N, C-alpha and C. Protein backbone atom coordinates (compact mmCIF):
# COMPACT_ATOMS: atom_id res chain seq x y z
N UNK A 1 -27.99 -2.23 5.93
CA UNK A 1 -26.58 -2.05 5.64
C UNK A 1 -26.20 -0.60 5.96
N UNK A 2 -25.13 -0.43 6.69
CA UNK A 2 -24.69 0.92 7.06
C UNK A 2 -23.75 1.48 6.00
N UNK A 3 -23.67 2.79 5.99
CA UNK A 3 -22.77 3.46 5.06
C UNK A 3 -21.33 3.31 5.53
N UNK A 4 -20.36 3.39 4.61
CA UNK A 4 -18.96 3.22 5.01
C UNK A 4 -18.43 4.46 5.74
N UNK A 5 -17.39 4.26 6.50
CA UNK A 5 -16.67 5.38 7.10
C UNK A 5 -15.78 5.97 6.01
N UNK A 6 -15.78 7.29 5.92
CA UNK A 6 -14.97 7.98 4.90
C UNK A 6 -13.77 8.64 5.55
N UNK A 7 -12.64 8.59 4.86
CA UNK A 7 -11.43 9.28 5.29
C UNK A 7 -10.84 9.98 4.09
N UNK A 8 -10.46 11.24 4.25
CA UNK A 8 -9.89 11.97 3.13
C UNK A 8 -9.15 13.21 3.57
N UNK A 9 -8.43 13.78 2.62
CA UNK A 9 -7.71 15.03 2.83
C UNK A 9 -8.45 16.12 2.07
N UNK A 10 -8.84 17.16 2.78
CA UNK A 10 -9.57 18.25 2.16
C UNK A 10 -9.14 19.59 2.74
N UNK A 11 -9.88 20.62 2.39
CA UNK A 11 -9.59 21.97 2.89
C UNK A 11 -10.81 22.51 3.62
N UNK A 12 -10.54 23.29 4.66
CA UNK A 12 -11.59 23.98 5.40
C UNK A 12 -11.98 25.20 4.59
N UNK A 13 -13.25 25.31 4.20
CA UNK A 13 -13.72 26.39 3.33
C UNK A 13 -13.94 27.69 4.10
N UNK A 14 -14.44 27.58 5.32
CA UNK A 14 -14.70 28.75 6.16
C UNK A 14 -14.39 28.39 7.60
N UNK A 15 -14.15 29.39 8.43
CA UNK A 15 -13.89 29.12 9.84
C UNK A 15 -15.06 28.32 10.42
N UNK A 16 -14.77 27.32 11.25
CA UNK A 16 -15.84 26.52 11.86
C UNK A 16 -16.77 27.39 12.70
N UNK A 17 -18.05 27.00 12.73
CA UNK A 17 -19.06 27.70 13.54
C UNK A 17 -19.38 26.83 14.74
N UNK A 18 -19.14 27.35 15.94
CA UNK A 18 -19.42 26.62 17.17
C UNK A 18 -20.70 27.13 17.79
N UNK A 19 -21.59 26.19 18.12
CA UNK A 19 -22.85 26.51 18.80
C UNK A 19 -23.05 25.49 19.91
N UNK A 20 -24.07 25.74 20.74
CA UNK A 20 -24.38 24.82 21.83
C UNK A 20 -25.86 24.48 21.78
N UNK A 21 -26.18 23.20 22.00
CA UNK A 21 -27.57 22.77 22.04
C UNK A 21 -28.19 23.28 23.35
N UNK A 22 -29.53 23.27 23.45
CA UNK A 22 -30.17 23.67 24.71
C UNK A 22 -29.69 22.82 25.90
N UNK A 23 -29.27 21.60 25.65
CA UNK A 23 -28.77 20.73 26.72
C UNK A 23 -27.31 21.03 27.06
N UNK A 24 -26.68 21.94 26.32
CA UNK A 24 -25.30 22.33 26.62
C UNK A 24 -24.23 21.59 25.85
N UNK A 25 -24.62 20.77 24.87
CA UNK A 25 -23.64 20.04 24.07
C UNK A 25 -23.09 20.94 22.96
N UNK A 26 -21.77 20.93 22.79
CA UNK A 26 -21.13 21.71 21.74
C UNK A 26 -21.32 21.02 20.40
N UNK A 27 -21.56 21.82 19.36
CA UNK A 27 -21.66 21.31 18.00
C UNK A 27 -20.97 22.31 17.08
N UNK A 28 -20.07 21.80 16.23
CA UNK A 28 -19.35 22.67 15.30
C UNK A 28 -19.68 22.25 13.88
N UNK A 29 -19.97 23.23 13.04
CA UNK A 29 -20.20 22.99 11.61
C UNK A 29 -18.93 23.39 10.88
N UNK A 30 -18.45 22.49 10.04
CA UNK A 30 -17.23 22.73 9.27
C UNK A 30 -17.53 22.47 7.81
N UNK A 31 -17.38 23.47 6.99
CA UNK A 31 -17.58 23.32 5.54
C UNK A 31 -16.26 22.88 4.94
N UNK A 32 -16.28 21.74 4.20
CA UNK A 32 -15.07 21.14 3.64
C UNK A 32 -15.18 21.00 2.13
N UNK A 33 -14.04 21.03 1.47
CA UNK A 33 -13.99 20.75 0.04
C UNK A 33 -12.87 19.73 -0.21
N UNK A 34 -13.21 18.74 -1.01
CA UNK A 34 -12.24 17.72 -1.42
C UNK A 34 -12.08 17.86 -2.93
N UNK A 35 -10.83 17.94 -3.37
CA UNK A 35 -10.57 18.18 -4.79
C UNK A 35 -9.53 17.20 -5.30
N UNK A 36 -9.75 16.73 -6.51
CA UNK A 36 -8.83 15.81 -7.15
C UNK A 36 -7.97 16.60 -8.13
N UNK A 37 -6.80 17.01 -7.70
CA UNK A 37 -5.91 17.83 -8.54
C UNK A 37 -4.72 16.98 -8.98
N UNK A 38 -4.41 17.04 -10.27
CA UNK A 38 -3.34 16.21 -10.82
C UNK A 38 -2.41 17.02 -11.69
N UNK A 39 -1.17 16.57 -11.75
CA UNK A 39 -0.19 17.17 -12.66
C UNK A 39 -0.27 16.44 -13.99
N UNK A 40 -0.58 17.19 -15.05
CA UNK A 40 -0.62 16.62 -16.40
C UNK A 40 0.82 16.44 -16.86
N UNK A 41 1.21 15.18 -17.07
CA UNK A 41 2.61 14.90 -17.41
C UNK A 41 3.01 15.44 -18.78
N UNK A 42 2.04 15.64 -19.67
CA UNK A 42 2.36 16.16 -21.00
C UNK A 42 2.55 17.67 -21.00
N UNK A 43 1.68 18.39 -20.29
CA UNK A 43 1.75 19.86 -20.29
C UNK A 43 2.48 20.41 -19.08
N UNK A 44 2.75 19.56 -18.08
CA UNK A 44 3.36 19.97 -16.83
C UNK A 44 2.54 21.05 -16.10
N UNK A 45 1.22 21.02 -16.31
CA UNK A 45 0.30 21.96 -15.67
C UNK A 45 -0.60 21.19 -14.70
N UNK A 46 -0.98 21.85 -13.62
CA UNK A 46 -1.92 21.25 -12.69
C UNK A 46 -3.32 21.38 -13.25
N UNK A 47 -4.10 20.29 -13.16
CA UNK A 47 -5.47 20.28 -13.64
C UNK A 47 -6.40 19.85 -12.51
N UNK A 48 -7.50 20.59 -12.35
CA UNK A 48 -8.48 20.24 -11.33
C UNK A 48 -9.41 19.17 -11.86
N UNK A 49 -9.64 18.18 -11.02
CA UNK A 49 -10.57 17.11 -11.35
C UNK A 49 -11.89 17.35 -10.66
N UNK A 50 -12.50 16.29 -10.19
CA UNK A 50 -13.79 16.38 -9.50
C UNK A 50 -13.64 17.11 -8.17
N UNK A 51 -14.72 17.78 -7.77
CA UNK A 51 -14.76 18.50 -6.50
C UNK A 51 -15.96 18.06 -5.70
N UNK A 52 -15.76 17.82 -4.41
CA UNK A 52 -16.84 17.45 -3.50
C UNK A 52 -16.90 18.46 -2.37
N UNK A 53 -18.03 19.15 -2.25
CA UNK A 53 -18.28 20.08 -1.16
C UNK A 53 -19.15 19.36 -0.16
N UNK A 54 -18.80 19.43 1.12
CA UNK A 54 -19.57 18.71 2.12
C UNK A 54 -19.54 19.47 3.45
N UNK A 55 -20.68 19.44 4.14
CA UNK A 55 -20.76 20.02 5.49
C UNK A 55 -20.44 18.93 6.49
N UNK A 56 -19.51 19.22 7.39
CA UNK A 56 -19.17 18.30 8.45
C UNK A 56 -19.69 18.82 9.77
N UNK A 57 -20.04 17.89 10.66
CA UNK A 57 -20.52 18.25 11.99
C UNK A 57 -19.72 17.48 13.03
N UNK A 58 -19.17 18.22 13.99
CA UNK A 58 -18.45 17.61 15.11
C UNK A 58 -19.21 17.92 16.39
N UNK A 59 -19.15 17.01 17.34
CA UNK A 59 -19.93 17.15 18.57
C UNK A 59 -19.05 17.16 19.80
N UNK A 60 -19.56 17.77 20.86
CA UNK A 60 -18.99 17.76 22.20
C UNK A 60 -17.55 18.29 22.22
N UNK A 61 -16.63 17.56 22.87
CA UNK A 61 -15.26 18.05 23.01
C UNK A 61 -14.59 18.21 21.66
N UNK A 62 -14.84 17.30 20.72
CA UNK A 62 -14.27 17.43 19.38
C UNK A 62 -14.71 18.74 18.73
N UNK A 63 -15.95 19.13 18.91
CA UNK A 63 -16.45 20.38 18.35
C UNK A 63 -15.69 21.57 18.91
N UNK A 64 -15.42 21.57 20.19
CA UNK A 64 -14.68 22.67 20.80
C UNK A 64 -13.24 22.70 20.29
N UNK A 65 -12.63 21.53 20.14
CA UNK A 65 -11.26 21.47 19.61
C UNK A 65 -11.22 21.98 18.17
N UNK A 66 -12.21 21.61 17.37
CA UNK A 66 -12.29 22.06 15.98
C UNK A 66 -12.36 23.58 15.93
N UNK A 67 -13.23 24.17 16.73
CA UNK A 67 -13.41 25.62 16.73
C UNK A 67 -12.16 26.35 17.20
N UNK A 68 -11.41 25.76 18.14
CA UNK A 68 -10.20 26.39 18.66
C UNK A 68 -9.01 26.23 17.72
N UNK A 69 -9.01 25.20 16.89
CA UNK A 69 -7.82 24.83 16.14
C UNK A 69 -7.88 25.17 14.65
N UNK A 70 -8.99 24.88 13.99
CA UNK A 70 -9.05 24.97 12.54
C UNK A 70 -9.50 26.34 12.07
N UNK A 71 -8.94 26.76 10.94
CA UNK A 71 -9.33 28.02 10.31
C UNK A 71 -9.47 27.82 8.81
N UNK A 72 -10.09 28.79 8.17
CA UNK A 72 -10.31 28.74 6.73
C UNK A 72 -8.99 28.53 6.00
N UNK A 73 -9.02 27.64 5.00
CA UNK A 73 -7.86 27.39 4.15
C UNK A 73 -6.96 26.26 4.60
N UNK A 74 -7.12 25.79 5.84
CA UNK A 74 -6.27 24.70 6.32
C UNK A 74 -6.55 23.40 5.58
N UNK A 75 -5.50 22.67 5.29
CA UNK A 75 -5.65 21.33 4.77
C UNK A 75 -5.79 20.39 5.96
N UNK A 76 -6.81 19.52 5.93
CA UNK A 76 -7.11 18.64 7.05
C UNK A 76 -7.27 17.21 6.60
N UNK A 77 -7.01 16.31 7.52
CA UNK A 77 -7.31 14.89 7.34
C UNK A 77 -8.52 14.62 8.21
N UNK A 78 -9.59 14.11 7.60
CA UNK A 78 -10.86 13.95 8.31
C UNK A 78 -11.40 12.54 8.11
N UNK A 79 -11.99 11.99 9.17
CA UNK A 79 -12.66 10.70 9.13
C UNK A 79 -14.06 10.90 9.70
N UNK A 80 -15.04 10.32 9.04
CA UNK A 80 -16.40 10.47 9.54
C UNK A 80 -17.38 9.54 8.85
N UNK A 81 -18.62 9.67 9.29
CA UNK A 81 -19.70 8.83 8.78
C UNK A 81 -20.63 9.68 7.93
N UNK A 82 -20.83 9.31 6.65
CA UNK A 82 -21.75 10.08 5.81
C UNK A 82 -23.19 9.83 6.21
N UNK A 83 -24.01 10.82 6.01
CA UNK A 83 -25.46 10.68 6.25
C UNK A 83 -26.18 11.59 5.26
N UNK A 84 -27.42 11.29 5.02
CA UNK A 84 -28.23 12.09 4.11
C UNK A 84 -29.18 12.95 4.92
N UNK A 85 -29.14 14.25 4.68
CA UNK A 85 -30.07 15.18 5.32
C UNK A 85 -31.15 15.51 4.31
N UNK A 86 -32.40 15.48 4.74
CA UNK A 86 -33.53 15.76 3.86
C UNK A 86 -34.39 16.85 4.46
N UNK A 87 -34.97 17.70 3.60
CA UNK A 87 -35.88 18.76 4.03
C UNK A 87 -36.74 19.16 2.84
N UNK A 88 -37.75 19.96 3.13
CA UNK A 88 -38.62 20.46 2.08
C UNK A 88 -38.47 21.97 1.99
N UNK A 89 -38.31 22.46 0.78
CA UNK A 89 -38.14 23.90 0.55
C UNK A 89 -38.98 24.31 -0.66
N UNK A 90 -39.84 25.28 -0.46
CA UNK A 90 -40.72 25.76 -1.53
C UNK A 90 -41.51 24.62 -2.17
N UNK A 91 -41.97 23.69 -1.34
CA UNK A 91 -42.78 22.58 -1.83
C UNK A 91 -42.01 21.47 -2.51
N UNK A 92 -40.68 21.58 -2.58
CA UNK A 92 -39.87 20.55 -3.21
C UNK A 92 -39.00 19.86 -2.16
N UNK A 93 -38.88 18.54 -2.31
CA UNK A 93 -38.02 17.79 -1.41
C UNK A 93 -36.57 17.98 -1.84
N UNK A 94 -35.73 18.24 -0.86
CA UNK A 94 -34.30 18.44 -1.11
C UNK A 94 -33.52 17.49 -0.20
N UNK A 95 -32.29 17.19 -0.59
CA UNK A 95 -31.42 16.38 0.25
C UNK A 95 -29.97 16.69 -0.09
N UNK A 96 -29.10 16.38 0.85
CA UNK A 96 -27.66 16.53 0.63
C UNK A 96 -26.94 15.54 1.52
N UNK A 97 -25.74 15.22 1.15
CA UNK A 97 -24.89 14.34 1.95
C UNK A 97 -24.08 15.22 2.89
N UNK A 98 -24.02 14.83 4.15
CA UNK A 98 -23.18 15.53 5.13
C UNK A 98 -22.31 14.49 5.83
N UNK A 99 -21.43 14.96 6.69
CA UNK A 99 -20.47 14.08 7.33
C UNK A 99 -20.49 14.31 8.84
N UNK A 100 -20.73 13.26 9.60
CA UNK A 100 -20.58 13.33 11.05
C UNK A 100 -19.12 13.01 11.34
N UNK A 101 -18.39 14.00 11.80
CA UNK A 101 -16.94 13.88 11.95
C UNK A 101 -16.60 13.10 13.20
N UNK A 102 -15.76 12.08 13.03
CA UNK A 102 -15.23 11.30 14.15
C UNK A 102 -13.86 11.82 14.57
N UNK A 103 -13.07 12.23 13.57
CA UNK A 103 -11.70 12.67 13.82
C UNK A 103 -11.32 13.66 12.74
N UNK A 104 -10.61 14.72 13.12
CA UNK A 104 -10.16 15.71 12.15
C UNK A 104 -8.93 16.41 12.71
N UNK A 105 -8.00 16.70 11.85
CA UNK A 105 -6.80 17.40 12.29
C UNK A 105 -6.06 17.98 11.12
N UNK A 106 -5.14 18.90 11.37
CA UNK A 106 -4.39 19.53 10.29
C UNK A 106 -3.48 18.53 9.60
N UNK A 107 -3.37 18.66 8.29
CA UNK A 107 -2.43 17.85 7.51
C UNK A 107 -1.04 18.45 7.69
N UNK A 108 -0.05 17.61 7.92
CA UNK A 108 1.31 18.09 8.10
C UNK A 108 2.11 18.04 6.80
N UNK A 109 1.44 17.83 5.67
CA UNK A 109 2.13 17.77 4.39
C UNK A 109 2.77 19.12 4.04
N UNK A 110 2.08 20.22 4.34
CA UNK A 110 2.58 21.54 3.98
C UNK A 110 2.55 22.53 5.14
N UNK A 111 2.43 22.01 6.37
CA UNK A 111 2.36 22.88 7.53
C UNK A 111 2.89 22.14 8.75
N UNK A 112 3.12 22.88 9.82
CA UNK A 112 3.49 22.27 11.08
C UNK A 112 2.37 22.52 12.08
N UNK A 113 2.33 21.72 13.12
CA UNK A 113 1.31 21.88 14.15
C UNK A 113 1.95 21.63 15.50
N UNK A 114 1.41 22.26 16.51
CA UNK A 114 1.87 22.02 17.87
C UNK A 114 0.70 21.40 18.64
N UNK A 115 0.88 20.18 19.10
CA UNK A 115 -0.19 19.43 19.73
C UNK A 115 -0.12 19.60 21.25
N UNK A 116 -1.27 19.83 21.86
CA UNK A 116 -1.37 19.94 23.32
C UNK A 116 -2.42 18.94 23.77
N UNK A 117 -2.04 18.02 24.62
CA UNK A 117 -2.96 17.00 25.11
C UNK A 117 -4.02 17.65 25.98
N UNK A 118 -5.29 17.31 25.74
CA UNK A 118 -6.40 17.86 26.52
C UNK A 118 -6.35 17.31 27.93
N UNK A 119 -6.70 18.14 28.90
CA UNK A 119 -6.74 17.71 30.29
C UNK A 119 -8.04 16.99 30.56
N UNK A 120 -8.02 16.11 31.55
CA UNK A 120 -9.22 15.37 31.94
C UNK A 120 -9.66 15.83 33.32
N UNK A 121 -10.97 15.79 33.54
CA UNK A 121 -11.48 16.16 34.86
C UNK A 121 -11.49 14.93 35.77
N UNK A 122 -12.01 15.07 36.95
CA UNK A 122 -12.01 13.97 37.93
C UNK A 122 -12.82 12.77 37.53
N UNK A 123 -13.71 12.91 36.55
CA UNK A 123 -14.54 11.79 36.10
C UNK A 123 -13.95 11.08 34.90
N UNK A 124 -12.72 11.42 34.51
CA UNK A 124 -12.08 10.80 33.36
C UNK A 124 -12.49 11.43 32.04
N UNK A 125 -13.28 12.49 32.09
CA UNK A 125 -13.73 13.17 30.88
C UNK A 125 -12.78 14.30 30.54
N UNK A 126 -12.67 14.61 29.25
CA UNK A 126 -11.82 15.72 28.85
C UNK A 126 -12.49 17.02 29.26
N UNK A 127 -11.67 17.94 29.75
CA UNK A 127 -12.18 19.25 30.14
C UNK A 127 -12.49 20.08 28.91
N UNK A 128 -13.37 21.03 29.02
CA UNK A 128 -13.83 21.83 27.89
C UNK A 128 -13.16 23.17 27.77
N UNK A 129 -11.85 23.22 27.70
CA UNK A 129 -11.16 24.48 27.48
C UNK A 129 -11.43 25.44 28.62
N UNK A 130 -11.90 26.64 28.31
CA UNK A 130 -12.11 27.67 29.31
C UNK A 130 -13.46 27.50 30.01
N UNK A 131 -14.37 26.71 29.45
CA UNK A 131 -15.70 26.59 30.04
C UNK A 131 -15.70 25.75 31.30
N UNK A 132 -14.82 24.75 31.38
CA UNK A 132 -14.83 23.87 32.54
C UNK A 132 -13.45 23.87 33.18
N UNK A 133 -13.41 23.84 34.48
CA UNK A 133 -12.14 23.74 35.19
C UNK A 133 -11.97 22.29 35.63
N UNK A 134 -10.77 21.71 35.40
CA UNK A 134 -10.58 20.34 35.86
C UNK A 134 -10.67 20.27 37.38
N UNK A 135 -11.28 19.19 37.87
CA UNK A 135 -11.38 19.03 39.31
C UNK A 135 -10.09 18.46 39.84
N UNK A 136 -9.79 18.75 41.10
CA UNK A 136 -8.58 18.23 41.73
C UNK A 136 -8.78 16.76 42.07
N UNK A 137 -7.74 15.97 41.87
CA UNK A 137 -7.78 14.56 42.22
C UNK A 137 -6.69 14.30 43.26
N UNK A 138 -6.80 13.21 43.97
CA UNK A 138 -5.74 12.88 44.93
C UNK A 138 -4.39 12.75 44.24
N UNK A 139 -3.33 12.99 44.98
CA UNK A 139 -1.97 12.98 44.42
C UNK A 139 -1.68 11.67 43.69
N UNK A 140 -2.11 10.56 44.24
CA UNK A 140 -1.83 9.27 43.63
C UNK A 140 -2.46 9.17 42.24
N UNK A 141 -3.67 9.68 42.05
CA UNK A 141 -4.36 9.60 40.76
C UNK A 141 -3.73 10.53 39.74
N UNK A 142 -3.09 11.62 40.16
CA UNK A 142 -2.50 12.57 39.21
C UNK A 142 -1.16 12.13 38.68
N UNK A 143 -0.51 11.17 39.31
CA UNK A 143 0.82 10.76 38.87
C UNK A 143 0.72 10.06 37.52
N UNK A 144 1.65 10.40 36.63
CA UNK A 144 1.70 9.81 35.30
C UNK A 144 2.45 8.48 35.35
N UNK A 145 2.05 7.52 34.54
CA UNK A 145 2.82 6.27 34.47
C UNK A 145 4.22 6.57 33.95
N UNK A 146 5.19 5.80 34.41
CA UNK A 146 6.57 6.05 34.01
C UNK A 146 6.80 5.81 32.53
N UNK A 147 6.02 4.96 31.90
CA UNK A 147 6.22 4.65 30.49
C UNK A 147 5.34 5.50 29.57
N UNK A 148 4.72 6.57 30.08
CA UNK A 148 3.86 7.43 29.28
C UNK A 148 4.71 8.45 28.52
N UNK A 149 4.88 8.32 27.20
CA UNK A 149 5.73 9.25 26.45
C UNK A 149 5.14 10.65 26.36
N UNK A 150 3.85 10.83 26.65
CA UNK A 150 3.23 12.16 26.60
C UNK A 150 3.42 12.93 27.90
N UNK A 151 3.77 12.22 28.94
CA UNK A 151 3.92 12.88 30.24
C UNK A 151 5.19 13.73 30.25
N UNK A 152 5.13 14.84 30.95
CA UNK A 152 6.32 15.67 31.13
C UNK A 152 6.66 15.68 32.60
N UNK A 153 7.93 15.82 32.89
CA UNK A 153 8.37 15.91 34.26
C UNK A 153 8.34 17.39 34.64
N UNK A 154 7.28 17.79 35.35
CA UNK A 154 7.12 19.20 35.68
C UNK A 154 8.20 19.69 36.62
N UNK A 155 8.78 18.82 37.42
CA UNK A 155 9.81 19.24 38.36
C UNK A 155 11.07 19.65 37.63
N UNK A 156 11.45 18.90 36.58
CA UNK A 156 12.68 19.24 35.84
C UNK A 156 12.39 19.95 34.53
N UNK A 157 11.13 19.93 34.06
CA UNK A 157 10.77 20.59 32.81
C UNK A 157 11.23 19.85 31.58
N UNK A 158 11.53 18.57 31.70
CA UNK A 158 12.01 17.82 30.55
C UNK A 158 10.85 17.43 29.65
N UNK A 159 11.14 17.28 28.37
CA UNK A 159 10.15 16.89 27.38
C UNK A 159 10.10 15.37 27.26
N UNK A 160 9.04 14.83 26.65
CA UNK A 160 8.98 13.40 26.38
C UNK A 160 10.16 12.96 25.52
N UNK A 161 10.58 11.70 25.63
CA UNK A 161 11.80 11.23 24.95
C UNK A 161 11.59 10.88 23.49
N UNK A 162 11.16 11.85 22.66
CA UNK A 162 11.05 11.61 21.22
C UNK A 162 11.13 12.86 20.43
């Protein structure tokens, strides 16, 4: 039986740490905290409930986006798969729950965000920011579908219709 996918709203505890594996894959570590805070209707005071601290890990293009976008203190909406990490320290077995992040982004409840669609290279893969340059494709392949609301008309500079 597999563990459930988790989705929640939390806060980024520290700026994400971006590293690369020897094979060149990006990996970002994101420390998150989830807190159950409620308004006490009798005292009209906010009360902190349970707190969950968890390390999240994002891979590849998502890891690069996390490192470029998220900073300490941001409220985020995150979805991922929990896993148990185990190790031995000073002769004692230790373990903790961590999260393999599938999706993460800023919460718009108390902030605004400006979204920029990632470019794709000639193989249909997303480009890696400054590390990779998108390859040129034939003119026909670069044309956007007419019904694509994310497409912009570069000739007139018009925005998508929403």
